[in-house]
Amino acid sequence: MAHPCKAKITLDGNQIELEITDQTILETLLDAGYDPPYSCTSGVCTTCMAKLLKGKVEMEVNYGLAEDDVEEGYILTCQSHPTTDEIEVDYDY
């Protein structure tokens, strides 16, 4: 089991606070009953893209984002696992 991460997520103007353990950001939101944007769940389409404002994540794969996007803080939430104790993510960027 992964080390738990406290996540603050902005989605459709709402502030959501969740704990993420061994799932991706997207999986955690879906399991909690939220409706974040997503489509392929394979790291290709970028529908689940969000901006990482705080903390760090590791993406399993990244076929959809350009290197510049990643450098600017954009992540694919379907592939992103937190690697820090706290993260802040904004879908409304």
N, C-alpha and C. Protein backbone atom coordinates (compact mmCIF):
# COMPACT_ATOMS: atom_id res chain seq x y z
N MET A 1 0.84 -1.19 0.00
CA MET A 1 0.00 0.00 0.00
C MET A 1 0.88 1.25 0.00
N ALA A 2 0.54 2.18 -0.85
CA ALA A 2 1.31 3.41 -0.97
C ALA A 2 1.06 4.32 0.24
N HIS A 3 2.01 5.21 0.46
CA HIS A 3 1.89 6.20 1.54
C HIS A 3 0.72 7.13 1.20
N PRO A 4 -0.21 7.37 2.14
CA PRO A 4 -1.35 8.23 1.83
C PRO A 4 -0.95 9.67 1.54
N CYS A 5 -1.68 10.27 0.63
CA CYS A 5 -1.45 11.65 0.22
C CYS A 5 -2.73 12.44 0.42
N LYS A 6 -2.63 13.62 1.02
CA LYS A 6 -3.77 14.52 1.14
C LYS A 6 -3.85 15.33 -0.14
N ALA A 7 -5.00 15.24 -0.81
CA ALA A 7 -5.17 15.93 -2.09
C ALA A 7 -6.25 16.99 -1.99
N LYS A 8 -5.94 18.18 -2.48
CA LYS A 8 -6.93 19.25 -2.64
C LYS A 8 -7.14 19.39 -4.14
N ILE A 9 -8.38 19.23 -4.57
CA ILE A 9 -8.67 19.21 -6.00
C ILE A 9 -9.77 20.22 -6.30
N THR A 10 -9.54 21.05 -7.31
CA THR A 10 -10.57 21.98 -7.79
C THR A 10 -11.20 21.36 -9.03
N LEU A 11 -12.51 21.16 -8.96
CA LEU A 11 -13.25 20.54 -10.06
C LEU A 11 -14.60 21.24 -10.20
N ASP A 12 -14.85 21.82 -11.34
CA ASP A 12 -16.10 22.54 -11.61
C ASP A 12 -16.39 23.60 -10.54
N GLY A 13 -15.35 24.30 -10.12
CA GLY A 13 -15.51 25.37 -9.15
C GLY A 13 -15.61 24.92 -7.70
N ASN A 14 -15.58 23.62 -7.47
CA ASN A 14 -15.68 23.08 -6.10
C ASN A 14 -14.32 22.64 -5.59
N GLN A 15 -14.09 22.85 -4.30
CA GLN A 15 -12.87 22.38 -3.64
C GLN A 15 -13.16 21.02 -3.02
N ILE A 16 -12.38 20.03 -3.40
CA ILE A 16 -12.55 18.66 -2.91
C ILE A 16 -11.29 18.28 -2.15
N GLU A 17 -11.46 17.66 -0.99
CA GLU A 17 -10.31 17.15 -0.25
C GLU A 17 -10.47 15.65 -0.10
N LEU A 18 -9.45 14.92 -0.54
CA LEU A 18 -9.47 13.46 -0.52
C LEU A 18 -8.12 12.93 -0.06
N GLU A 19 -8.12 11.68 0.34
CA GLU A 19 -6.86 10.99 0.60
C GLU A 19 -6.64 9.98 -0.52
N ILE A 20 -5.46 10.02 -1.10
CA ILE A 20 -5.11 9.10 -2.19
C ILE A 20 -4.06 8.14 -1.67
N THR A 21 -4.28 6.85 -1.90
CA THR A 21 -3.28 5.87 -1.46
C THR A 21 -2.66 5.17 -2.66
N ASP A 22 -3.27 4.10 -3.13
CA ASP A 22 -2.64 3.31 -4.19
C ASP A 22 -3.31 3.46 -5.55
N GLN A 23 -4.14 4.48 -5.71
CA GLN A 23 -4.83 4.70 -6.97
C GLN A 23 -4.31 5.97 -7.65
N THR A 24 -4.73 6.14 -8.90
CA THR A 24 -4.45 7.41 -9.58
C THR A 24 -5.40 8.47 -9.04
N ILE A 25 -5.10 9.71 -9.37
CA ILE A 25 -5.98 10.82 -8.97
C ILE A 25 -7.38 10.60 -9.55
N LEU A 26 -7.45 10.24 -10.82
CA LEU A 26 -8.74 10.02 -11.48
C LEU A 26 -9.52 8.89 -10.81
N GLU A 27 -8.88 7.75 -10.57
CA GLU A 27 -9.56 6.61 -9.94
C GLU A 27 -10.11 6.99 -8.57
N THR A 28 -9.34 7.75 -7.81
CA THR A 28 -9.78 8.17 -6.48
C THR A 28 -11.02 9.05 -6.56
N LEU A 29 -11.03 9.99 -7.50
CA LEU A 29 -12.19 10.86 -7.67
C LEU A 29 -13.43 10.06 -8.09
N LEU A 30 -13.27 9.16 -9.04
CA LEU A 30 -14.40 8.36 -9.50
C LEU A 30 -14.95 7.49 -8.38
N ASP A 31 -14.07 6.85 -7.62
CA ASP A 31 -14.50 6.00 -6.50
C ASP A 31 -15.23 6.79 -5.42
N ALA A 32 -14.89 8.08 -5.30
CA ALA A 32 -15.53 8.93 -4.29
C ALA A 32 -16.85 9.53 -4.80
N GLY A 33 -17.24 9.20 -6.04
CA GLY A 33 -18.52 9.65 -6.56
C GLY A 33 -18.49 10.94 -7.36
N TYR A 34 -17.31 11.45 -7.65
CA TYR A 34 -17.20 12.68 -8.44
C TYR A 34 -17.19 12.35 -9.93
N ASP A 35 -17.35 13.37 -10.76
CA ASP A 35 -17.45 13.18 -12.20
C ASP A 35 -16.40 14.03 -12.94
N PRO A 36 -15.13 13.71 -12.76
CA PRO A 36 -14.10 14.47 -13.47
C PRO A 36 -14.09 14.10 -14.96
N PRO A 37 -13.56 14.99 -15.79
CA PRO A 37 -13.49 14.67 -17.22
C PRO A 37 -12.46 13.58 -17.49
N TYR A 38 -12.85 12.60 -18.31
CA TYR A 38 -11.91 11.56 -18.73
C TYR A 38 -12.52 10.82 -19.91
N SER A 39 -11.67 10.09 -20.62
CA SER A 39 -12.16 9.30 -21.74
C SER A 39 -11.39 7.99 -21.84
N CYS A 40 -10.16 8.04 -22.34
CA CYS A 40 -9.45 6.80 -22.69
C CYS A 40 -8.85 6.06 -21.50
N THR A 41 -8.49 6.75 -20.45
CA THR A 41 -7.78 6.22 -19.27
C THR A 41 -6.46 5.54 -19.61
N SER A 42 -5.90 5.86 -20.76
CA SER A 42 -4.64 5.24 -21.21
C SER A 42 -3.51 6.24 -21.39
N GLY A 43 -3.72 7.50 -21.04
CA GLY A 43 -2.67 8.50 -21.16
C GLY A 43 -2.51 9.06 -22.55
N VAL A 44 -3.55 8.95 -23.38
CA VAL A 44 -3.44 9.37 -24.78
C VAL A 44 -4.27 10.62 -25.09
N CYS A 45 -5.53 10.66 -24.66
CA CYS A 45 -6.48 11.66 -25.18
C CYS A 45 -6.38 13.04 -24.53
N THR A 46 -5.82 13.15 -23.36
CA THR A 46 -5.67 14.38 -22.56
C THR A 46 -6.99 14.95 -22.01
N THR A 47 -8.08 14.22 -22.11
CA THR A 47 -9.35 14.69 -21.55
C THR A 47 -9.25 14.91 -20.05
N CYS A 48 -8.45 14.11 -19.37
CA CYS A 48 -8.33 14.17 -17.90
C CYS A 48 -7.24 15.14 -17.44
N MET A 49 -6.71 15.94 -18.35
CA MET A 49 -5.61 16.84 -18.02
C MET A 49 -6.02 17.85 -16.94
N ALA A 50 -5.10 18.08 -16.02
CA ALA A 50 -5.30 19.08 -14.97
C ALA A 50 -3.95 19.72 -14.68
N LYS A 51 -3.96 20.78 -13.89
CA LYS A 51 -2.72 21.45 -13.55
C LYS A 51 -2.34 21.12 -12.11
N LEU A 52 -1.11 20.69 -11.93
CA LEU A 52 -0.58 20.39 -10.60
C LEU A 52 -0.04 21.68 -10.01
N LEU A 53 -0.66 22.16 -8.94
CA LEU A 53 -0.28 23.42 -8.33
C LEU A 53 0.68 23.24 -7.16
N LYS A 54 0.64 22.07 -6.54
CA LYS A 54 1.48 21.80 -5.37
C LYS A 54 1.80 20.32 -5.33
N GLY A 55 3.01 19.99 -4.88
CA GLY A 55 3.41 18.60 -4.75
C GLY A 55 3.96 18.03 -6.04
N LYS A 56 4.13 16.72 -6.03
CA LYS A 56 4.67 16.02 -7.20
C LYS A 56 3.89 14.74 -7.44
N VAL A 57 3.84 14.35 -8.71
CA VAL A 57 3.21 13.09 -9.09
C VAL A 57 4.13 12.36 -10.06
N GLU A 58 3.87 11.08 -10.21
CA GLU A 58 4.56 10.29 -11.23
C GLU A 58 3.50 9.74 -12.16
N MET A 59 3.67 10.00 -13.46
CA MET A 59 2.73 9.47 -14.44
C MET A 59 3.24 8.12 -14.94
N GLU A 60 2.34 7.12 -14.94
CA GLU A 60 2.71 5.80 -15.44
C GLU A 60 3.15 5.89 -16.90
N VAL A 61 2.33 6.51 -17.72
CA VAL A 61 2.66 6.79 -19.12
C VAL A 61 2.17 8.19 -19.45
N ASN A 62 2.74 8.77 -20.49
CA ASN A 62 2.30 10.07 -20.97
C ASN A 62 2.46 10.10 -22.48
N TYR A 63 1.39 9.77 -23.16
CA TYR A 63 1.41 9.81 -24.62
C TYR A 63 0.78 11.09 -25.16
N GLY A 64 0.05 11.82 -24.31
CA GLY A 64 -0.74 12.94 -24.80
C GLY A 64 -0.17 14.33 -24.57
N LEU A 65 0.67 14.50 -23.55
CA LEU A 65 1.16 15.84 -23.23
C LEU A 65 2.54 16.09 -23.84
N ALA A 66 2.72 17.29 -24.35
CA ALA A 66 4.04 17.70 -24.84
C ALA A 66 4.94 17.98 -23.64
N GLU A 67 6.23 17.94 -23.88
CA GLU A 67 7.20 18.21 -22.81
C GLU A 67 6.97 19.58 -22.18
N ASP A 68 6.63 20.57 -23.01
CA ASP A 68 6.35 21.92 -22.51
C ASP A 68 5.17 21.92 -21.54
N ASP A 69 4.13 21.14 -21.87
CA ASP A 69 2.96 21.05 -20.99
C ASP A 69 3.35 20.51 -19.62
N VAL A 70 4.16 19.46 -19.61
CA VAL A 70 4.60 18.84 -18.35
C VAL A 70 5.44 19.83 -17.55
N GLU A 71 6.32 20.56 -18.23
CA GLU A 71 7.16 21.55 -17.55
C GLU A 71 6.32 22.67 -16.94
N GLU A 72 5.16 22.96 -17.55
CA GLU A 72 4.26 24.00 -17.03
C GLU A 72 3.36 23.47 -15.91
N GLY A 73 3.47 22.17 -15.59
CA GLY A 73 2.72 21.62 -14.47
C GLY A 73 1.49 20.82 -14.83
N TYR A 74 1.26 20.60 -16.11
CA TYR A 74 0.08 19.83 -16.51
C TYR A 74 0.33 18.34 -16.34
N ILE A 75 -0.72 17.63 -15.92
CA ILE A 75 -0.62 16.18 -15.69
C ILE A 75 -1.84 15.49 -16.30
N LEU A 76 -1.69 14.21 -16.55
CA LEU A 76 -2.82 13.36 -16.93
C LEU A 76 -3.26 12.64 -15.66
N THR A 77 -4.43 12.99 -15.15
CA THR A 77 -4.84 12.44 -13.86
C THR A 77 -5.12 10.94 -13.92
N CYS A 78 -5.38 10.40 -15.11
CA CYS A 78 -5.61 8.96 -15.23
C CYS A 78 -4.32 8.16 -15.06
N GLN A 79 -3.19 8.83 -15.11
CA GLN A 79 -1.90 8.16 -15.03
C GLN A 79 -1.08 8.62 -13.83
N SER A 80 -1.59 9.58 -13.07
CA SER A 80 -0.80 10.25 -12.04
C SER A 80 -1.00 9.68 -10.64
N HIS A 81 0.13 9.28 -10.04
CA HIS A 81 0.18 8.82 -8.66
C HIS A 81 0.98 9.85 -7.86
N PRO A 82 0.43 10.36 -6.76
CA PRO A 82 1.18 11.32 -5.93
C PRO A 82 2.45 10.70 -5.37
N THR A 83 3.51 11.50 -5.31
CA THR A 83 4.78 11.05 -4.72
C THR A 83 5.16 11.92 -3.52
N THR A 84 4.29 12.85 -3.16
CA THR A 84 4.51 13.70 -1.98
C THR A 84 3.32 13.54 -1.04
N ASP A 85 3.48 14.01 0.20
CA ASP A 85 2.43 13.87 1.21
C ASP A 85 1.19 14.70 0.90
N GLU A 86 1.36 15.78 0.13
CA GLU A 86 0.24 16.64 -0.23
C GLU A 86 0.36 17.05 -1.69
N ILE A 87 -0.79 17.12 -2.35
CA ILE A 87 -0.83 17.67 -3.71
C ILE A 87 -2.03 18.61 -3.82
N GLU A 88 -1.93 19.49 -4.79
CA GLU A 88 -3.05 20.37 -5.12
C GLU A 88 -3.20 20.33 -6.63
N VAL A 89 -4.41 20.02 -7.09
CA VAL A 89 -4.67 19.82 -8.52
C VAL A 89 -5.86 20.67 -8.93
N ASP A 90 -5.76 21.29 -10.11
CA ASP A 90 -6.83 22.15 -10.60
C ASP A 90 -7.29 21.68 -11.98
N TYR A 91 -8.51 21.15 -12.04
CA TYR A 91 -9.10 20.77 -13.33
C TYR A 91 -9.63 21.99 -14.07
N ASP A 92 -9.87 23.08 -13.35
CA ASP A 92 -10.50 24.27 -13.93
C ASP A 92 -9.50 25.28 -14.50
N TYR A 93 -8.22 24.92 -14.51
CA TYR A 93 -7.15 25.82 -14.94
C TYR A 93 -7.60 26.66 -16.09
